[in-house]
Every structure is written in structure tokens, then in C-alpha cells.
Protein backbone atom coordinates (compact mmCIF):
# COMPACT_ATOMS: atom_id res chain seq x y z
CA MET A 1 8.82 11.05 -16.67
CA LYS A 2 6.23 12.84 -14.53
CA ALA A 3 3.77 12.84 -17.46
CA GLN A 4 4.32 9.08 -17.91
CA ILE A 5 3.46 8.54 -14.25
CA GLN A 6 0.24 10.53 -14.57
CA LYS A 7 -0.80 8.64 -17.72
CA TYR A 8 0.19 5.23 -16.37
CA LYS A 9 -2.80 2.91 -15.98
CA ILE A 10 -2.84 0.54 -13.03
CA GLU A 11 -4.16 -2.91 -13.90
CA GLY A 12 -5.45 -5.46 -11.42
CA LYS A 13 -6.99 -5.08 -8.00
CA VAL A 14 -5.61 -3.17 -5.03
CA TYR A 15 -7.08 -3.63 -1.56
CA THR A 16 -6.58 -1.56 1.58
CA TRP A 17 -8.47 -1.68 4.85
CA THR A 18 -8.10 -0.87 8.51
CA TYR A 19 -9.82 -2.42 11.48
CA LYS A 20 -12.28 -0.28 13.40
CA ASN A 21 -11.43 -1.88 16.75
CA ASN A 22 -8.50 -3.71 18.35
CA PRO A 23 -5.96 -0.89 17.76
CA ARG A 24 -3.45 -2.51 20.11
CA ASN A 25 -2.86 -5.46 17.76
CA TYR A 26 -3.80 -3.89 14.42
CA PRO A 27 -3.24 -0.12 14.66
CA ALA A 28 -2.74 0.63 10.99
CA TRP A 29 -3.69 0.12 7.35
CA ASN A 30 -3.54 -3.28 5.63
CA PHE A 31 -2.62 -3.80 1.98
CA THR A 32 -2.70 -6.54 -0.62
CA VAL A 33 -2.87 -6.81 -4.41
CA ASP A 34 -3.60 -9.41 -7.05
CA LEU A 35 -0.88 -10.50 -9.49
CA LYS A 36 -1.74 -7.93 -12.18
CA ALA A 37 -1.73 -5.08 -9.67
CA CYS A 38 1.55 -6.35 -8.21
CA GLU A 39 3.22 -6.12 -11.61
CA SER A 40 1.53 -2.85 -12.47
CA ILE A 41 2.36 -1.07 -9.21
CA SER A 42 5.92 -2.37 -9.33
CA ALA A 43 6.31 -0.82 -12.80
CA LEU A 44 4.77 2.43 -11.54
CA LEU A 45 7.22 2.52 -8.64
CA ASN A 46 10.07 2.03 -11.14
CA LEU A 47 8.87 5.12 -12.99
CA MET A 48 8.63 7.08 -9.74
CA ASN A 49 12.08 5.95 -8.66
CA ASN A 50 13.58 7.10 -11.97
CA CYS A 51 11.83 10.48 -11.87
CA GLU A 52 13.94 13.36 -10.59
CA TRP A 53 10.85 15.23 -9.36
CA SER A 54 8.29 14.43 -6.70
CA SER A 55 5.40 12.51 -8.23
CA LYS A 56 2.08 11.02 -7.23
CA LYS A 57 -0.50 8.65 -8.62
CA THR A 58 -4.09 7.99 -7.52
CA ILE A 59 -5.22 4.37 -7.67
CA SER A 60 -8.75 2.99 -7.22
CA ILE A 61 -9.16 0.60 -4.32
CA LYS A 62 -11.42 -2.45 -4.23
CA LEU A 63 -13.16 -3.64 -1.08
CA PRO A 64 -11.30 -6.61 0.40
CA THR A 65 -13.00 -9.98 0.35
CA GLU A 66 -13.86 -11.99 3.42
CA SER A 67 -10.88 -14.31 2.87
CA GLN A 68 -8.47 -11.36 2.50
CA VAL A 69 -9.68 -9.80 5.74
CA ARG A 70 -9.17 -13.17 7.46
CA VAL A 71 -5.46 -13.37 6.52
CA PRO A 72 -4.29 -11.11 9.39
CA ASN A 73 -6.37 -13.33 11.72
CA ASN A 74 -7.81 -10.39 13.65
CA LYS A 75 -10.43 -12.12 15.79
CA ASN A 76 -10.51 -14.96 13.25
CA GLY A 77 -11.51 -12.56 10.49
CA THR A 78 -14.63 -11.31 12.26
CA GLU A 79 -13.35 -7.89 13.33
CA SER A 80 -15.15 -4.98 11.68
CA TRP A 81 -13.14 -2.95 9.19
CA LYS A 82 -13.36 0.03 6.85
CA SER A 83 -11.83 0.88 3.50
CA LYS A 84 -11.50 3.92 1.26
CA THR A 85 -12.05 4.42 -2.46
CA ASN A 86 -8.60 5.75 -3.43
CA LEU A 87 -4.95 5.16 -2.65
CA ILE A 88 -2.49 7.92 -3.49
CA LEU A 89 1.14 6.90 -3.88
CA SER A 90 3.36 9.95 -3.46
CA CYS A 91 7.13 9.91 -3.95
CA LYS A 92 8.66 12.92 -2.18
CA THR A 93 12.10 13.77 -3.56
CA SER A 94 12.29 16.78 -1.23
CA GLU A 95 12.17 14.51 1.83
CA SER A 96 14.84 12.16 3.19
CA THR A 97 15.17 8.83 1.40
CA ASP A 98 13.74 6.97 4.43
CA TYR A 99 10.68 9.24 4.68
CA TRP A 100 7.39 7.35 5.16
CA LYS A 101 4.01 8.75 6.11
CA ILE A 102 0.41 7.59 5.78
CA ILE A 103 -2.34 10.19 5.75
CA GLU A 104 -6.00 9.24 6.01
CA LEU A 105 -8.09 11.44 3.75
CA ASN A 106 -11.85 11.77 3.36
CA LYS A 107 -12.11 9.36 0.41
CA GLY A 108 -8.70 7.73 0.45
CA ILE A 109 -5.34 7.25 2.01
CA GLU A 110 -2.08 8.77 0.86
CA ILE A 111 1.20 6.95 1.31
CA GLN A 112 4.14 9.36 1.05
CA PHE A 113 7.66 8.01 0.75
CA GLY A 114 11.25 8.83 -0.05
CA LYS A 115 13.34 6.80 -2.50
CA ALA A 116 14.63 4.20 0.00
CA LYS A 117 11.13 3.53 1.31
CA LEU A 118 9.87 3.34 -2.29
CA ILE A 119 12.28 0.45 -2.89
CA GLU A 120 11.29 -1.22 0.39
CA PHE A 121 7.61 -0.88 -0.55
CA GLN A 122 8.25 -2.21 -4.06
CA ASN A 123 10.18 -5.22 -2.74
CA ALA A 124 7.38 -6.00 -0.28
CA ILE A 125 4.73 -5.78 -3.02
CA ASN A 126 6.77 -8.11 -5.21
CA GLU A 127 6.68 -10.73 -2.44
CA ILE A 128 2.86 -10.82 -2.25
CA PRO A 129 2.37 -13.24 -5.21
CA LYS A 130 4.89 -15.59 -3.58
CA ARG A 131 2.53 -15.75 -0.58
CA SER A 132 5.11 -13.95 1.49
CA GLY A 133 3.16 -11.70 3.76
CA ASP A 134 2.84 -10.57 7.31
CA PHE A 135 5.26 -7.77 6.55
CA ALA A 136 5.13 -4.17 7.76
CA ILE A 137 6.66 -0.88 6.69
CA SER A 138 6.74 2.10 9.02
CA ASP A 139 8.60 5.27 9.77
CA GLN A 140 11.47 5.44 12.27
CA ASN A 141 9.05 5.94 15.17
CA GLU A 142 7.09 2.83 14.20
CA GLU A 143 4.11 4.98 13.38
CA ASN A 144 2.44 5.24 9.98
CA ILE A 145 2.45 1.45 9.68
CA LEU A 146 1.36 -0.40 6.55
CA TYR A 147 0.85 -4.16 6.87
CA LEU A 148 1.30 -6.13 3.65
CA TRP A 149 -0.45 -9.50 3.39
CA TRP A 150 -0.55 -12.34 0.88
CA ASN A 151 -3.69 -12.52 -1.25
CA LEU A 152 -5.85 -15.63 -1.00
CA ASP A 153 -8.14 -14.52 -3.83
CA GLU A 154 -5.66 -14.41 -6.70
């Protein structure tokens, strides 16, 4: 199963960004996907959930469009932001099932999660094409927040 995860090819477009300012209202990373990436990442998360070992997958990130950045309505979409080139999804079977952590790396971000958070993340991603957004996942201390938004550019 681990080899399948490594070979699995993500289709579609994945977008992550964080705002440079206004940390009081938007203190974390933002995430959206197009329909193909939604389906592809959901299938990847199924593989990870069925794997008995910890697993990880690196995914290329696209820069968000102006309309995607406007969805959270941070200063009417005019707030400055930054993105990274890679997203690493990392299922940690050695951690508790509700484990969730986001680590900012030099060229990417890594989202680490246990099995329960994997399912929560997968369910949230599956809602994006339905234009259900404005959803957040975080750890128990409400740190390591990931905001999931609907995608206006599908």
C-alpha cells in the first residue's frame, strides 16, 4: 500500500496560501482544490487510511487566483499573501487518531494527521465542489489551523 501511495499521481490543481498580515482574523493556511484534485486527493487519502504504516505524499501547489484569494474576504481580497511550491500530506499512524499539525517548510508546508483527522480532512475536501466552504480543521488547542474554501475558478 505504501508503494501505491508513492506512485499515486495527483490530478487537478491544489492551492494553498497564507496572508502576510492580519494574523488576528486569518492566522493560518488556506486551502482549496479544483474538482479533479478533489477526487484525486480523496482517493489518495483512502489509500493512506487503508495503509497500516505511516505514509506521506508530496503534491505540487499552484498559485491561487485573484478570485480564490477573495473568497475568505480578507480586506475584500486585497490583503497580501504568500504561497509555497509543495504540500506534503503525512499520515502518522504512530500518533493519536486526532493528531493534526501544520509545519511550514522552506519550499512547502507539511500537514501531518492521524486517522480521525484524515477522515475529517477528506470529508472537508469532498465538500469543496459543492461550494461548501468556510470550514477549518485544527488541533485540540486551536492551533495549526487549515481553512478550507470553495473554489470559484472550477
